[in-house]
Amino acid sequence: MVNTQFRPLTINDYHRMLESGILNEGDRVELISGQIFNMSPKGTRHTVCTREIFKRLLNLIGNLADVQSQDPITLPNNSEPEPDIVIAKLRADNYVNSHPTPTDIILVIEVADSTLNFDRNTKAALYAAAGISEYWIVNLVDDRLEIYRQPESSIYTTTQIIIPPRSIELPHLPTVNLDLTTLFPPQIT
């Protein structure tokens, strides 16, 4: 009888696959709980929304924190996802020595259209289990912001829905407010 179960990949396994050329930096994959997942193709609304959030956060936050877009973060559960946006604490090494880890992360933002269920379920459980204190989903299906807070085990115990036009204060950056009024690109007709 053949054993069809595979052991989960570790982050070191994943990095060795990159170093050896099995995976390439341009491959649209991410490591989630020891498994390699293909990332969904990005539509124009997703691309525009992610770009606009990134530009606005860079302008709003300045030198108060590090804003990253679609870059890896390292989580303790054999995961190295690439969220659409991450706000991380400033670090002296500018993240040269390692990707941000949960202790570095202020906020994770995923922009969701075709990935909405994956982001609400798999990604939310992943981020909660890692202790990410605040997770946002920019829901392009319903044009609203979903805020997840207070992680316990693999769930967030508090959820809040914000519907534009409104502004939202960024966690741990009380002087920074993100205006949601024009955050959501027009629906494609």
N, C-alpha and C. Protein backbone atom coordinates (compact mmCIF):
# COMPACT_ATOMS: atom_id res chain seq x y z
N MET A 1 0.85 -1.18 0.00
CA MET A 1 0.00 0.00 0.00
C MET A 1 0.90 1.24 0.00
N VAL A 2 0.56 2.24 -0.81
CA VAL A 2 1.34 3.47 -0.93
C VAL A 2 0.80 4.51 0.04
N ASN A 3 1.70 5.13 0.76
CA ASN A 3 1.32 6.21 1.67
C ASN A 3 1.11 7.47 0.85
N THR A 4 -0.11 7.98 0.82
CA THR A 4 -0.42 9.17 0.03
C THR A 4 -0.37 10.45 0.86
N GLN A 5 0.01 10.36 2.12
CA GLN A 5 0.11 11.55 2.95
C GLN A 5 1.52 12.10 2.83
N PHE A 6 1.60 13.40 2.73
CA PHE A 6 2.87 14.09 2.64
C PHE A 6 3.09 14.88 3.90
N ARG A 7 4.35 15.01 4.29
CA ARG A 7 4.64 15.85 5.45
C ARG A 7 4.58 17.31 5.00
N PRO A 8 4.14 18.19 5.87
CA PRO A 8 4.09 19.60 5.50
C PRO A 8 5.51 20.13 5.24
N LEU A 9 5.60 21.05 4.30
CA LEU A 9 6.87 21.72 4.05
C LEU A 9 7.16 22.70 5.17
N THR A 10 8.42 22.83 5.51
CA THR A 10 8.81 23.87 6.46
C THR A 10 9.18 25.12 5.67
N ILE A 11 9.35 26.20 6.37
CA ILE A 11 9.79 27.42 5.71
C ILE A 11 11.18 27.21 5.11
N ASN A 12 12.04 26.46 5.81
CA ASN A 12 13.38 26.16 5.26
C ASN A 12 13.28 25.34 3.97
N ASP A 13 12.36 24.36 3.93
CA ASP A 13 12.13 23.58 2.70
C ASP A 13 11.74 24.52 1.56
N TYR A 14 10.82 25.40 1.85
CA TYR A 14 10.30 26.35 0.87
C TYR A 14 11.43 27.23 0.34
N HIS A 15 12.27 27.75 1.24
CA HIS A 15 13.39 28.58 0.82
C HIS A 15 14.40 27.79 0.00
N ARG A 16 14.64 26.53 0.37
CA ARG A 16 15.54 25.69 -0.43
C ARG A 16 14.99 25.46 -1.83
N MET A 17 13.67 25.34 -1.95
CA MET A 17 13.06 25.19 -3.27
C MET A 17 13.29 26.43 -4.12
N LEU A 18 13.27 27.59 -3.50
CA LEU A 18 13.58 28.84 -4.21
C LEU A 18 15.05 28.89 -4.60
N GLU A 19 15.92 28.56 -3.64
CA GLU A 19 17.37 28.62 -3.89
C GLU A 19 17.80 27.63 -4.98
N SER A 20 17.15 26.48 -5.04
CA SER A 20 17.55 25.45 -6.02
C SER A 20 16.90 25.64 -7.39
N GLY A 21 15.96 26.57 -7.50
CA GLY A 21 15.30 26.82 -8.77
C GLY A 21 14.05 26.00 -9.01
N ILE A 22 13.65 25.17 -8.04
CA ILE A 22 12.39 24.43 -8.18
C ILE A 22 11.25 25.44 -8.25
N LEU A 23 11.33 26.46 -7.42
CA LEU A 23 10.42 27.60 -7.48
C LEU A 23 11.24 28.82 -7.86
N ASN A 24 10.61 29.75 -8.54
CA ASN A 24 11.27 31.00 -8.91
C ASN A 24 10.59 32.16 -8.20
N GLU A 25 11.34 33.24 -7.98
CA GLU A 25 10.77 34.39 -7.29
C GLU A 25 9.54 34.94 -8.00
N GLY A 26 9.46 34.77 -9.30
CA GLY A 26 8.31 35.26 -10.06
C GLY A 26 7.09 34.36 -9.99
N ASP A 27 7.25 33.16 -9.45
CA ASP A 27 6.11 32.25 -9.33
C ASP A 27 5.09 32.85 -8.37
N ARG A 28 3.82 32.78 -8.75
CA ARG A 28 2.77 33.33 -7.90
C ARG A 28 2.25 32.23 -6.97
N VAL A 29 3.08 31.93 -5.95
CA VAL A 29 2.74 30.92 -4.96
C VAL A 29 3.04 31.47 -3.57
N GLU A 30 2.44 30.85 -2.58
CA GLU A 30 2.74 31.18 -1.19
C GLU A 30 2.61 29.92 -0.36
N LEU A 31 3.36 29.89 0.74
CA LEU A 31 3.34 28.74 1.65
C LEU A 31 2.32 28.99 2.75
N ILE A 32 1.32 28.12 2.82
CA ILE A 32 0.25 28.23 3.81
C ILE A 32 0.17 26.92 4.57
N SER A 33 0.48 26.96 5.85
CA SER A 33 0.40 25.77 6.71
C SER A 33 1.11 24.57 6.09
N GLY A 34 2.31 24.80 5.55
CA GLY A 34 3.12 23.72 5.02
C GLY A 34 2.77 23.27 3.62
N GLN A 35 1.82 23.92 2.98
CA GLN A 35 1.43 23.57 1.61
C GLN A 35 1.64 24.76 0.69
N ILE A 36 2.06 24.48 -0.53
CA ILE A 36 2.23 25.55 -1.51
C ILE A 36 0.91 25.76 -2.23
N PHE A 37 0.45 27.00 -2.19
CA PHE A 37 -0.79 27.38 -2.86
C PHE A 37 -0.48 28.31 -4.02
N ASN A 38 -1.15 28.09 -5.15
CA ASN A 38 -1.08 29.06 -6.23
C ASN A 38 -1.90 30.27 -5.84
N MET A 39 -1.38 31.44 -6.12
CA MET A 39 -2.12 32.66 -5.85
C MET A 39 -3.04 32.93 -7.04
N SER A 40 -4.23 33.43 -6.75
CA SER A 40 -5.19 33.72 -7.81
C SER A 40 -4.70 34.87 -8.68
N PRO A 41 -5.07 34.84 -9.97
CA PRO A 41 -4.75 35.97 -10.82
C PRO A 41 -5.46 37.22 -10.30
N LYS A 42 -4.85 38.37 -10.52
CA LYS A 42 -5.42 39.62 -10.02
C LYS A 42 -6.15 40.33 -11.15
N GLY A 43 -7.41 40.67 -10.90
CA GLY A 43 -8.18 41.46 -11.85
C GLY A 43 -7.81 42.93 -11.72
N THR A 44 -8.39 43.74 -12.59
CA THR A 44 -8.04 45.17 -12.59
C THR A 44 -8.50 45.88 -11.32
N ARG A 45 -9.70 45.57 -10.82
CA ARG A 45 -10.16 46.23 -9.58
C ARG A 45 -9.24 45.90 -8.42
N HIS A 46 -8.83 44.63 -8.33
CA HIS A 46 -7.92 44.21 -7.26
C HIS A 46 -6.60 44.97 -7.37
N THR A 47 -6.06 45.02 -8.57
CA THR A 47 -4.78 45.69 -8.80
C THR A 47 -4.86 47.17 -8.45
N VAL A 48 -5.90 47.85 -8.95
CA VAL A 48 -6.06 49.28 -8.69
C VAL A 48 -6.25 49.53 -7.19
N CYS A 49 -7.09 48.75 -6.54
CA CYS A 49 -7.35 48.93 -5.11
C CYS A 49 -6.08 48.73 -4.29
N THR A 50 -5.34 47.67 -4.56
CA THR A 50 -4.10 47.41 -3.82
C THR A 50 -3.10 48.55 -4.02
N ARG A 51 -2.95 48.98 -5.25
CA ARG A 51 -2.02 50.08 -5.54
C ARG A 51 -2.43 51.36 -4.82
N GLU A 52 -3.73 51.68 -4.83
CA GLU A 52 -4.20 52.91 -4.18
C GLU A 52 -4.03 52.85 -2.67
N ILE A 53 -4.33 51.71 -2.07
CA ILE A 53 -4.13 51.56 -0.62
C ILE A 53 -2.66 51.76 -0.29
N PHE A 54 -1.79 51.10 -1.04
CA PHE A 54 -0.35 51.20 -0.80
C PHE A 54 0.11 52.65 -0.90
N LYS A 55 -0.27 53.36 -1.96
CA LYS A 55 0.15 54.76 -2.12
C LYS A 55 -0.37 55.63 -0.98
N ARG A 56 -1.64 55.46 -0.63
CA ARG A 56 -2.21 56.28 0.45
C ARG A 56 -1.52 56.01 1.78
N LEU A 57 -1.30 54.73 2.08
CA LEU A 57 -0.65 54.40 3.36
C LEU A 57 0.77 54.94 3.41
N LEU A 58 1.50 54.85 2.31
CA LEU A 58 2.85 55.42 2.28
C LEU A 58 2.81 56.91 2.61
N ASN A 59 1.86 57.63 2.01
CA ASN A 59 1.74 59.07 2.26
C ASN A 59 1.30 59.36 3.69
N LEU A 60 0.35 58.60 4.20
CA LEU A 60 -0.18 58.84 5.54
C LEU A 60 0.80 58.46 6.65
N ILE A 61 1.47 57.34 6.48
CA ILE A 61 2.31 56.79 7.55
C ILE A 61 3.71 57.39 7.54
N GLY A 62 4.22 57.70 6.37
CA GLY A 62 5.56 58.28 6.29
C GLY A 62 6.59 57.39 6.98
N ASN A 63 7.30 57.96 7.95
CA ASN A 63 8.35 57.23 8.67
C ASN A 63 7.88 56.64 10.00
N LEU A 64 6.57 56.52 10.20
CA LEU A 64 6.06 55.96 11.46
C LEU A 64 6.10 54.43 11.47
N ALA A 65 6.06 53.81 10.29
CA ALA A 65 6.05 52.35 10.18
C ALA A 65 6.49 51.99 8.77
N ASP A 66 6.65 50.71 8.54
CA ASP A 66 7.06 50.19 7.23
C ASP A 66 5.82 49.66 6.52
N VAL A 67 5.58 50.11 5.29
CA VAL A 67 4.44 49.65 4.50
C VAL A 67 4.98 48.78 3.38
N GLN A 68 4.46 47.56 3.29
CA GLN A 68 4.91 46.61 2.27
C GLN A 68 3.71 46.15 1.45
N SER A 69 3.95 45.87 0.19
CA SER A 69 2.88 45.40 -0.69
C SER A 69 3.29 44.11 -1.38
N GLN A 70 2.50 43.07 -1.13
CA GLN A 70 2.66 41.76 -1.76
C GLN A 70 4.05 41.18 -1.54
N ASP A 71 4.56 41.39 -0.32
CA ASP A 71 5.85 40.83 0.10
C ASP A 71 5.60 39.76 1.17
N PRO A 72 6.51 38.80 1.30
CA PRO A 72 6.30 37.72 2.26
C PRO A 72 6.37 38.18 3.72
N ILE A 73 5.61 37.48 4.54
CA ILE A 73 5.75 37.56 5.99
C ILE A 73 5.98 36.13 6.47
N THR A 74 6.69 35.98 7.57
CA THR A 74 7.00 34.64 8.08
C THR A 74 6.18 34.38 9.33
N LEU A 75 5.40 33.31 9.29
CA LEU A 75 4.54 32.95 10.41
C LEU A 75 5.01 31.62 10.99
N PRO A 76 4.75 31.39 12.28
CA PRO A 76 5.31 30.20 12.94
C PRO A 76 4.71 28.87 12.50
N ASN A 77 3.61 28.87 11.79
CA ASN A 77 2.94 27.62 11.43
C ASN A 77 3.28 27.18 10.01
N ASN A 78 4.61 27.18 9.69
CA ASN A 78 5.08 26.77 8.36
C ASN A 78 4.37 27.54 7.25
N SER A 79 4.30 28.85 7.45
CA SER A 79 3.60 29.68 6.48
C SER A 79 4.43 30.91 6.12
N GLU A 80 4.38 31.23 4.84
CA GLU A 80 5.00 32.45 4.36
C GLU A 80 4.09 33.05 3.28
N PRO A 81 2.94 33.59 3.74
CA PRO A 81 2.02 34.20 2.79
C PRO A 81 2.56 35.54 2.29
N GLU A 82 1.94 36.04 1.25
CA GLU A 82 2.30 37.34 0.68
C GLU A 82 1.06 38.22 0.64
N PRO A 83 0.70 38.81 1.78
CA PRO A 83 -0.52 39.63 1.83
C PRO A 83 -0.42 40.82 0.88
N ASP A 84 -1.57 41.34 0.50
CA ASP A 84 -1.58 42.50 -0.38
C ASP A 84 -0.88 43.69 0.25
N ILE A 85 -1.14 43.94 1.53
CA ILE A 85 -0.51 45.05 2.25
C ILE A 85 -0.17 44.59 3.66
N VAL A 86 1.00 45.00 4.14
CA VAL A 86 1.39 44.79 5.54
C VAL A 86 1.94 46.10 6.07
N ILE A 87 1.48 46.47 7.25
CA ILE A 87 2.11 47.56 7.98
C ILE A 87 2.88 46.92 9.12
N ALA A 88 4.18 47.17 9.13
CA ALA A 88 5.06 46.56 10.13
C ALA A 88 5.81 47.65 10.90
N LYS A 89 6.23 47.30 12.09
CA LYS A 89 7.05 48.21 12.89
C LYS A 89 8.36 48.47 12.16
N LEU A 90 8.91 49.64 12.39
CA LEU A 90 10.24 49.92 11.85
C LEU A 90 11.24 49.03 12.55
N ARG A 91 12.21 48.56 11.81
CA ARG A 91 13.25 47.70 12.37
C ARG A 91 14.60 48.20 11.89
N ALA A 92 15.60 48.17 12.75
CA ALA A 92 16.92 48.71 12.43
C ALA A 92 17.52 48.07 11.18
N ASP A 93 17.26 46.79 10.94
CA ASP A 93 17.85 46.11 9.78
C ASP A 93 17.01 46.28 8.50
N ASN A 94 15.90 47.03 8.59
CA ASN A 94 15.03 47.27 7.44
C ASN A 94 14.56 45.96 6.81
N TYR A 95 14.45 44.91 7.61
CA TYR A 95 13.97 43.59 7.19
C TYR A 95 14.90 42.90 6.20
N VAL A 96 16.19 43.22 6.25
CA VAL A 96 17.17 42.52 5.42
C VAL A 96 17.43 41.12 5.97
N ASN A 97 17.42 40.96 7.29
CA ASN A 97 17.76 39.68 7.90
C ASN A 97 16.61 38.68 7.93
N SER A 98 15.39 39.16 7.82
CA SER A 98 14.23 38.26 7.78
C SER A 98 13.00 39.05 7.38
N HIS A 99 12.01 38.33 6.90
CA HIS A 99 10.72 38.95 6.60
C HIS A 99 10.05 39.31 7.93
N PRO A 100 9.07 40.21 7.91
CA PRO A 100 8.33 40.50 9.14
C PRO A 100 7.70 39.24 9.74
N THR A 101 7.71 39.18 11.05
CA THR A 101 7.08 38.10 11.80
C THR A 101 5.92 38.69 12.61
N PRO A 102 5.10 37.88 13.24
CA PRO A 102 3.96 38.42 13.98
C PRO A 102 4.30 39.53 14.98
N THR A 103 5.46 39.45 15.62
CA THR A 103 5.81 40.51 16.58
C THR A 103 6.12 41.84 15.90
N ASP A 104 6.42 41.80 14.60
CA ASP A 104 6.70 43.02 13.84
C ASP A 104 5.45 43.64 13.23
N ILE A 105 4.41 42.84 13.06
CA ILE A 105 3.27 43.23 12.23
C ILE A 105 2.22 44.02 13.02
N ILE A 106 1.86 45.17 12.46
CA ILE A 106 0.81 46.02 13.01
C ILE A 106 -0.54 45.66 12.39
N LEU A 107 -0.54 45.45 11.07
CA LEU A 107 -1.78 45.20 10.35
C LEU A 107 -1.49 44.42 9.07
N VAL A 108 -2.37 43.46 8.78
CA VAL A 108 -2.34 42.74 7.51
C VAL A 108 -3.63 43.09 6.77
N ILE A 109 -3.50 43.41 5.48
CA ILE A 109 -4.66 43.73 4.64
C ILE A 109 -4.65 42.82 3.42
N GLU A 110 -5.78 42.17 3.18
CA GLU A 110 -5.98 41.41 1.95
C GLU A 110 -7.08 42.10 1.16
N VAL A 111 -6.87 42.27 -0.13
CA VAL A 111 -7.89 42.78 -1.04
C VAL A 111 -8.54 41.55 -1.66
N ALA A 112 -9.87 41.45 -1.55
CA ALA A 112 -10.54 40.21 -1.93
C ALA A 112 -11.66 40.44 -2.92
N ASP A 113 -11.61 39.67 -3.98
CA ASP A 113 -12.74 39.57 -4.91
C ASP A 113 -13.00 38.08 -5.10
N SER A 114 -12.31 37.42 -6.02
CA SER A 114 -12.50 35.98 -6.21
C SER A 114 -11.96 35.17 -5.03
N THR A 115 -11.11 35.76 -4.20
CA THR A 115 -10.51 35.05 -3.07
C THR A 115 -11.23 35.31 -1.74
N LEU A 116 -12.40 35.92 -1.79
CA LEU A 116 -13.07 36.34 -0.56
C LEU A 116 -13.24 35.20 0.45
N ASN A 117 -13.73 34.05 0.04
CA ASN A 117 -13.92 32.93 0.98
C ASN A 117 -12.59 32.44 1.53
N PHE A 118 -11.58 32.34 0.69
CA PHE A 118 -10.24 31.92 1.13
C PHE A 118 -9.68 32.92 2.15
N ASP A 119 -9.85 34.21 1.88
CA ASP A 119 -9.35 35.24 2.80
C ASP A 119 -10.12 35.25 4.12
N ARG A 120 -11.43 35.03 4.06
CA ARG A 120 -12.24 35.01 5.28
C ARG A 120 -11.99 33.76 6.13
N ASN A 121 -11.70 32.65 5.50
CA ASN A 121 -11.58 31.40 6.22
C ASN A 121 -10.12 30.99 6.42
N THR A 122 -9.45 30.59 5.37
CA THR A 122 -8.08 30.08 5.48
C THR A 122 -7.12 31.15 5.98
N LYS A 123 -7.13 32.31 5.33
CA LYS A 123 -6.18 33.37 5.72
C LYS A 123 -6.50 33.91 7.11
N ALA A 124 -7.77 34.13 7.42
CA ALA A 124 -8.13 34.63 8.75
C ALA A 124 -7.68 33.66 9.84
N ALA A 125 -7.91 32.37 9.64
CA ALA A 125 -7.48 31.36 10.62
C ALA A 125 -5.96 31.36 10.75
N LEU A 126 -5.26 31.48 9.63
CA LEU A 126 -3.80 31.51 9.62
C LEU A 126 -3.26 32.70 10.41
N TYR A 127 -3.80 33.89 10.13
CA TYR A 127 -3.33 35.10 10.80
C TYR A 127 -3.71 35.11 12.28
N ALA A 128 -4.91 34.63 12.60
CA ALA A 128 -5.32 34.56 14.00
C ALA A 128 -4.44 33.60 14.79
N ALA A 129 -4.17 32.42 14.22
CA ALA A 129 -3.32 31.42 14.89
C ALA A 129 -1.91 31.97 15.11
N ALA A 130 -1.45 32.84 14.23
CA ALA A 130 -0.11 33.43 14.37
C ALA A 130 -0.10 34.60 15.35
N GLY A 131 -1.29 35.04 15.77
CA GLY A 131 -1.37 36.13 16.73
C GLY A 131 -1.33 37.52 16.10
N ILE A 132 -1.64 37.63 14.81
CA ILE A 132 -1.71 38.93 14.16
C ILE A 132 -2.90 39.66 14.77
N SER A 133 -2.65 40.79 15.43
CA SER A 133 -3.69 41.43 16.23
C SER A 133 -4.82 42.05 15.42
N GLU A 134 -4.52 42.47 14.20
CA GLU A 134 -5.58 43.07 13.38
C GLU A 134 -5.39 42.68 11.92
N TYR A 135 -6.50 42.27 11.31
CA TYR A 135 -6.53 41.80 9.93
C TYR A 135 -7.72 42.45 9.24
N TRP A 136 -7.47 43.05 8.07
CA TRP A 136 -8.53 43.68 7.30
C TRP A 136 -8.70 42.96 5.98
N ILE A 137 -9.96 42.84 5.57
CA ILE A 137 -10.27 42.39 4.22
C ILE A 137 -10.98 43.54 3.51
N VAL A 138 -10.39 44.01 2.44
CA VAL A 138 -11.04 44.99 1.59
C VAL A 138 -11.89 44.17 0.62
N ASN A 139 -13.16 44.09 0.92
CA ASN A 139 -14.10 43.22 0.23
C ASN A 139 -14.62 43.94 -1.01
N LEU A 140 -14.08 43.57 -2.18
CA LEU A 140 -14.49 44.19 -3.43
C LEU A 140 -15.80 43.62 -3.97
N VAL A 141 -16.26 42.51 -3.42
CA VAL A 141 -17.53 41.93 -3.84
C VAL A 141 -18.68 42.81 -3.33
N ASP A 142 -18.58 43.22 -2.06
CA ASP A 142 -19.64 44.00 -1.42
C ASP A 142 -19.24 45.46 -1.17
N ASP A 143 -18.07 45.86 -1.62
CA ASP A 143 -17.54 47.22 -1.41
C ASP A 143 -17.64 47.65 0.05
N ARG A 144 -16.95 46.90 0.90
CA ARG A 144 -16.92 47.22 2.32
C ARG A 144 -15.61 46.73 2.92
N LEU A 145 -15.28 47.26 4.07
CA LEU A 145 -14.08 46.86 4.79
C LEU A 145 -14.50 45.95 5.94
N GLU A 146 -13.87 44.79 6.03
CA GLU A 146 -14.12 43.85 7.13
C GLU A 146 -12.90 43.89 8.04
N ILE A 147 -13.12 44.17 9.31
CA ILE A 147 -12.03 44.28 10.27
C ILE A 147 -12.14 43.13 11.26
N TYR A 148 -11.02 42.41 11.43
CA TYR A 148 -10.95 41.27 12.34
C TYR A 148 -9.94 41.61 13.42
N ARG A 149 -10.36 41.46 14.69
CA ARG A 149 -9.49 41.79 15.83
C ARG A 149 -9.60 40.71 16.91
N GLN A 150 -8.70 40.79 17.85
CA GLN A 150 -8.65 39.93 19.02
C GLN A 150 -8.56 38.44 18.66
N PRO A 151 -7.38 38.04 18.17
CA PRO A 151 -7.21 36.63 17.80
C PRO A 151 -7.16 35.73 19.03
N GLU A 152 -7.83 34.61 18.94
CA GLU A 152 -7.78 33.56 19.96
C GLU A 152 -7.72 32.24 19.22
N SER A 153 -6.67 31.49 19.45
CA SER A 153 -6.46 30.23 18.76
C SER A 153 -6.43 30.50 17.27
N SER A 154 -7.39 30.01 16.51
CA SER A 154 -7.36 30.23 15.06
C SER A 154 -8.58 31.02 14.59
N ILE A 155 -9.15 31.84 15.49
CA ILE A 155 -10.28 32.70 15.09
C ILE A 155 -10.07 34.11 15.63
N TYR A 156 -10.75 35.04 15.00
CA TYR A 156 -10.83 36.40 15.52
C TYR A 156 -12.16 36.52 16.24
N THR A 157 -12.12 37.04 17.47
CA THR A 157 -13.34 37.11 18.28
C THR A 157 -14.16 38.36 18.03
N THR A 158 -13.57 39.36 17.36
CA THR A 158 -14.28 40.59 17.07
C THR A 158 -14.22 40.88 15.58
N THR A 159 -15.38 41.15 15.00
CA THR A 159 -15.46 41.51 13.59
C THR A 159 -16.27 42.79 13.48
N GLN A 160 -15.80 43.67 12.60
CA GLN A 160 -16.50 44.93 12.37
C GLN A 160 -16.59 45.16 10.87
N ILE A 161 -17.73 45.66 10.41
CA ILE A 161 -17.93 45.98 8.99
C ILE A 161 -18.01 47.50 8.87
N ILE A 162 -17.22 48.06 7.97
CA ILE A 162 -17.24 49.50 7.72
C ILE A 162 -17.64 49.70 6.26
N ILE A 163 -18.68 50.50 6.05
CA ILE A 163 -19.15 50.78 4.71
C ILE A 163 -18.84 52.24 4.39
N PRO A 164 -18.16 52.49 3.26
CA PRO A 164 -17.85 53.86 2.88
C PRO A 164 -19.13 54.67 2.66
N PRO A 165 -19.12 55.97 2.78
CA PRO A 165 -17.95 56.80 3.03
C PRO A 165 -17.69 56.94 4.53
N ARG A 166 -16.52 56.57 4.95
CA ARG A 166 -16.07 56.72 6.34
C ARG A 166 -14.56 56.72 6.34
N SER A 167 -14.01 57.08 7.46
CA SER A 167 -12.57 56.98 7.68
C SER A 167 -12.35 55.98 8.79
N ILE A 168 -11.19 55.34 8.78
CA ILE A 168 -10.86 54.36 9.82
C ILE A 168 -9.47 54.66 10.35
N GLU A 169 -9.35 54.60 11.67
CA GLU A 169 -8.07 54.81 12.33
C GLU A 169 -7.23 53.55 12.20
N LEU A 170 -5.96 53.73 11.89
CA LEU A 170 -5.07 52.58 11.77
C LEU A 170 -4.63 52.11 13.16
N PRO A 171 -4.52 50.80 13.36
CA PRO A 171 -4.13 50.29 14.68
C PRO A 171 -2.72 50.74 15.04
N HIS A 172 -2.55 51.12 16.29
CA HIS A 172 -1.26 51.52 16.86
C HIS A 172 -0.70 52.78 16.22
N LEU A 173 -1.48 53.44 15.38
CA LEU A 173 -1.09 54.70 14.75
C LEU A 173 -2.29 55.65 14.88
N PRO A 174 -2.59 56.09 16.11
CA PRO A 174 -3.84 56.81 16.36
C PRO A 174 -3.99 58.13 15.61
N THR A 175 -2.91 58.67 15.11
CA THR A 175 -3.02 59.93 14.37
C THR A 175 -3.23 59.72 12.88
N VAL A 176 -3.31 58.47 12.45
CA VAL A 176 -3.41 58.16 11.02
C VAL A 176 -4.79 57.57 10.72
N ASN A 177 -5.54 58.25 9.84
CA ASN A 177 -6.86 57.79 9.43
C ASN A 177 -6.88 57.56 7.92
N LEU A 178 -7.42 56.42 7.53
CA LEU A 178 -7.55 56.07 6.12
C LEU A 178 -8.97 56.37 5.68
N ASP A 179 -9.13 57.25 4.70
CA ASP A 179 -10.44 57.61 4.15
C ASP A 179 -10.87 56.53 3.17
N LEU A 180 -12.01 55.91 3.43
CA LEU A 180 -12.51 54.83 2.58
C LEU A 180 -13.35 55.34 1.42
N THR A 181 -13.60 56.66 1.37
CA THR A 181 -14.53 57.21 0.38
C THR A 181 -14.23 56.78 -1.04
N THR A 182 -12.98 56.87 -1.46
CA THR A 182 -12.65 56.51 -2.84
C THR A 182 -11.75 55.27 -2.92
N LEU A 183 -11.74 54.51 -1.86
CA LEU A 183 -10.88 53.32 -1.81
C LEU A 183 -11.32 52.24 -2.79
N PHE A 184 -12.62 52.10 -3.00
CA PHE A 184 -13.14 51.02 -3.83
C PHE A 184 -13.31 51.51 -5.27
N PRO A 185 -12.56 50.93 -6.21
CA PRO A 185 -12.70 51.33 -7.61
C PRO A 185 -14.12 51.04 -8.11
N PRO A 186 -14.57 51.76 -9.11
CA PRO A 186 -15.90 51.50 -9.66
C PRO A 186 -16.04 50.05 -10.14
N GLN A 187 -17.24 49.53 -10.04
CA GLN A 187 -17.52 48.18 -10.54
C GLN A 187 -17.29 48.15 -12.05
N ILE A 188 -16.75 47.07 -12.54
CA ILE A 188 -16.53 46.91 -13.98
C ILE A 188 -17.87 46.57 -14.63
N THR A 189 -18.17 47.25 -15.71
CA THR A 189 -19.46 47.00 -16.38
C THR A 189 -19.25 46.24 -17.68
